[in-house]
Protein backbone atom coordinates (compact mmCIF):
# COMPACT_ATOMS: atom_id res chain seq x y z
CA MET A 1 66.59 -57.92 -6.12
CA MET A 2 63.13 -56.49 -7.07
CA PHE A 3 63.97 -53.19 -5.48
CA GLU A 4 67.52 -53.00 -7.14
CA ALA A 5 66.07 -53.59 -10.67
CA LEU A 6 63.43 -50.99 -10.10
CA ILE A 7 65.80 -48.49 -8.46
CA SER A 8 68.12 -48.87 -11.65
CA ARG A 9 65.13 -48.41 -13.97
CA ILE A 10 64.12 -45.20 -12.10
CA ALA A 11 67.69 -43.93 -12.11
CA GLU A 12 67.90 -44.53 -15.97
CA GLY A 13 64.56 -42.75 -16.62
CA LEU A 14 65.44 -39.68 -14.35
CA ASP A 15 68.85 -39.45 -16.10
CA ARG A 16 67.33 -39.62 -19.55
CA ALA A 17 64.97 -36.86 -18.52
CA GLY A 18 67.88 -34.82 -17.21
CA LEU A 19 66.32 -34.72 -13.68
CA PRO A 20 68.81 -34.58 -10.81
CA TYR A 21 67.74 -36.69 -7.80
CA ILE A 22 68.72 -38.68 -4.74
CA ILE A 23 67.32 -41.87 -3.21
CA ILE A 24 66.28 -41.11 0.42
CA GLY A 25 64.32 -42.96 3.03
CA GLY A 26 64.59 -46.69 3.79
CA GLN A 27 66.47 -47.51 0.58
CA ALA A 28 69.15 -44.96 1.52
CA VAL A 29 69.46 -46.46 4.91
CA LEU A 30 69.84 -49.92 3.42
CA PHE A 31 72.50 -48.49 1.08
CA HIS A 32 74.49 -47.13 3.87
CA GLY A 33 74.63 -50.59 5.66
CA THR A 34 71.77 -50.88 8.05
CA PRO A 35 69.37 -53.68 7.47
CA ARG A 36 65.83 -52.52 7.31
CA MET A 37 62.52 -53.57 5.85
CA THR A 38 60.97 -50.99 3.56
CA LYS A 39 57.94 -51.20 1.19
CA ASP A 40 58.63 -48.06 -0.97
CA ILE A 41 61.17 -45.88 -2.65
CA ASP A 42 61.45 -42.19 -1.77
CA ILE A 43 63.31 -39.91 -4.23
CA THR A 44 64.06 -36.17 -3.88
CA LEU A 45 64.18 -34.41 -7.25
CA GLY A 46 66.38 -31.52 -7.90
CA VAL A 47 63.51 -29.60 -9.46
CA ASP A 48 60.41 -27.72 -8.25
CA THR A 49 56.87 -28.31 -9.33
CA GLY A 50 57.45 -26.11 -12.33
CA SER A 51 58.92 -29.32 -13.86
CA LEU A 52 55.89 -31.45 -13.17
CA ASP A 53 55.38 -32.31 -16.98
CA VAL A 54 59.07 -33.49 -17.29
CA VAL A 55 58.67 -35.58 -14.10
CA VAL A 56 55.30 -37.07 -15.24
CA GLN A 57 56.87 -38.15 -18.61
CA ALA A 58 59.95 -39.71 -16.71
CA VAL A 59 57.57 -41.58 -14.42
CA LYS A 60 55.65 -42.97 -17.31
CA SER A 61 58.86 -43.93 -19.17
CA ILE A 62 59.86 -46.17 -16.21
CA GLY A 63 56.61 -48.05 -16.23
CA ALA A 64 55.03 -46.42 -13.28
CA GLU A 65 51.54 -45.30 -12.86
CA ILE A 66 50.58 -41.92 -11.07
CA ILE A 67 48.30 -42.71 -8.16
CA PRO A 68 46.03 -39.65 -7.60
CA ASP A 69 43.54 -38.88 -10.26
CA ASP A 70 43.99 -35.21 -9.80
CA PHE A 71 47.82 -35.42 -9.42
CA GLU A 72 48.28 -31.62 -10.25
CA ALA A 73 46.29 -30.63 -7.23
CA PHE A 74 47.95 -33.29 -5.06
CA VAL A 75 51.40 -32.22 -6.03
CA GLU A 76 50.50 -28.41 -5.49
CA LYS A 77 49.30 -29.35 -1.94
CA THR A 78 51.98 -31.90 -0.94
CA TYR A 79 54.97 -31.39 -3.28
CA VAL A 80 54.99 -35.14 -3.73
CA LEU A 81 54.01 -37.24 -6.89
CA PRO A 82 53.11 -40.75 -5.67
CA ALA A 83 53.31 -43.54 -8.24
CA LEU A 84 53.07 -47.33 -8.46
CA ASP A 85 55.36 -49.52 -10.37
CA LYS A 86 53.08 -51.50 -12.65
CA GLU A 87 55.38 -54.55 -12.66
CA SER A 88 56.14 -55.01 -8.93
CA GLY A 89 53.39 -52.94 -7.20
CA ILE A 90 56.10 -50.96 -5.40
CA ARG A 91 55.21 -47.38 -4.41
CA ILE A 92 57.45 -44.63 -5.51
CA ASP A 93 57.25 -41.10 -4.03
CA PHE A 94 58.87 -38.39 -6.16
CA ILE A 95 59.39 -35.32 -3.95
CA PHE A 96 59.94 -31.97 -5.36
CA SER A 97 62.67 -29.60 -3.80
CA PHE A 98 62.54 -25.97 -3.25
CA ARG A 99 65.01 -25.33 -0.45
CA PRO A 100 68.75 -24.71 -0.67
CA TYR A 101 69.27 -27.77 1.63
CA GLU A 102 67.68 -30.22 -0.83
CA ARG A 103 69.78 -28.93 -3.71
CA GLN A 104 72.94 -29.20 -1.68
CA ALA A 105 71.98 -32.72 -0.54
CA ILE A 106 71.56 -33.63 -4.27
CA ALA A 107 75.07 -32.20 -4.92
CA ARG A 108 76.50 -34.39 -2.17
CA ALA A 109 74.97 -37.60 -3.38
CA THR A 110 76.91 -40.74 -3.20
CA PRO A 111 76.92 -42.72 -6.49
CA ALA A 112 76.70 -46.46 -6.58
CA LEU A 113 76.35 -49.03 -9.32
CA LEU A 114 73.21 -51.18 -9.26
CA GLY A 115 73.02 -53.65 -12.11
CA GLY A 116 75.47 -51.55 -14.10
CA THR A 117 73.45 -48.36 -13.68
CA ARG A 118 74.72 -45.33 -11.72
CA VAL A 119 72.29 -44.53 -9.04
CA MET A 120 72.53 -41.41 -6.75
CA PHE A 121 71.90 -42.03 -3.02
CA ALA A 122 71.78 -39.44 -0.36
CA ALA A 123 74.91 -39.15 1.65
CA VAL A 124 74.80 -40.69 5.05
CA GLU A 125 74.62 -37.29 6.77
CA ASP A 126 71.72 -36.15 4.55
CA VAL A 127 69.88 -39.56 5.42
CA ILE A 128 70.51 -38.68 9.01
CA ILE A 129 69.16 -35.16 8.69
CA HIS A 130 66.04 -36.49 6.83
CA LYS A 131 65.37 -39.05 9.48
CA VAL A 132 65.88 -36.67 12.58
CA PHE A 133 63.59 -34.12 10.67
CA ALA A 134 60.96 -36.90 10.28
CA GLY A 135 61.18 -37.74 13.94
CA ARG A 136 59.28 -40.91 14.07
CA PRO A 137 60.50 -43.82 16.44
CA ARG A 138 61.56 -45.90 13.33
CA ASP A 139 63.36 -42.88 11.82
CA LEU A 140 65.26 -42.21 15.00
CA GLU A 141 66.23 -45.83 15.35
CA ASP A 142 67.56 -45.72 11.69
CA VAL A 143 69.57 -42.53 12.72
CA ARG A 144 71.18 -44.63 15.59
CA SER A 145 71.97 -47.47 13.46
CA LEU A 146 73.43 -45.23 10.73
CA ILE A 147 75.66 -43.55 13.28
CA VAL A 148 76.87 -46.87 14.60
CA LYS A 149 77.52 -48.18 11.13
CA ASN A 150 79.16 -44.89 9.91
CA PRO A 151 81.11 -43.44 12.89
CA GLY A 152 83.00 -41.05 10.64
CA ILE A 153 80.03 -38.96 9.61
CA ASP A 154 80.42 -35.17 9.34
CA ARG A 155 78.68 -34.30 12.63
CA ASN A 156 79.16 -30.49 12.05
CA TYR A 157 77.36 -30.71 8.73
CA VAL A 158 74.51 -32.55 10.42
CA ARG A 159 74.48 -30.02 13.38
CA GLU A 160 74.42 -26.96 11.14
CA TRP A 161 71.40 -28.01 9.09
CA LEU A 162 69.48 -29.32 12.16
CA LYS A 163 70.14 -25.83 13.74
CA GLU A 164 68.81 -24.16 10.59
CA PHE A 165 65.72 -26.41 10.47
CA GLU A 166 65.00 -25.49 14.19
CA LYS A 167 64.21 -21.96 13.02
CA SER A 168 60.93 -23.30 11.57
CA PRO A 169 58.24 -22.87 14.32
CA GLU A 170 56.84 -26.39 13.90
CA LYS A 171 60.31 -28.03 14.38
CA GLU A 172 62.17 -27.72 17.62
CA ALA A 173 64.85 -29.83 19.53
CA LEU A 174 66.16 -31.42 16.35
CA LEU A 175 69.82 -30.85 17.48
CA LYS A 176 69.01 -32.21 20.95
CA THR A 177 67.48 -35.28 19.44
CA PHE A 178 70.65 -35.79 17.36
CA GLU A 179 72.98 -35.13 20.35
CA ASP A 180 70.97 -37.61 22.43
CA ILE A 181 71.21 -40.34 19.82
CA LEU A 182 75.04 -39.56 19.48
CA SER A 183 75.43 -40.03 23.23
CA SER A 184 73.40 -43.18 23.38
CA ALA A 185 75.54 -44.59 20.55
CA CYS A 186 78.63 -43.69 22.74
CA LEU A 187 80.09 -41.72 19.81
CA LYS A 188 80.22 -38.10 20.98
């Protein structure tokens, strides 16, 4: 319940500031029906770092404290603004977006009502793409669980974006990873 109230507060603050966003990470995995323990909230913002001042004001308005002392330098280097909710101690990562993919993922968001507040969660396909891209064992297990729980996913959408991300030299075999998980879930 603590996460629900905080997510609602974050959604209200981002909406007031006019900032488009989606909830990603473990909270989105939970939203799409897969039980999972998570200790933070990850949010992709529909703005780049040029909107840092607006984001900082929104973060403060929801009762969160920015973690790094030199947050401008941290954001410039990582494109992430980490904050801590003063009330609960829960970490919130606000991730700036630059790529067309992130903007499209925000446009495809799945709205949900949490405590009477409209909250935008990443569509299940976009959660899968994020998780395959991250590639940690826990993320890949999340992908498998999401596929089993949501067999009607748009596989072609996932495949197209994973193929696109494979063009980056540091990422390879993303599509193969996805196909292997599909096979192991017996849902090809």
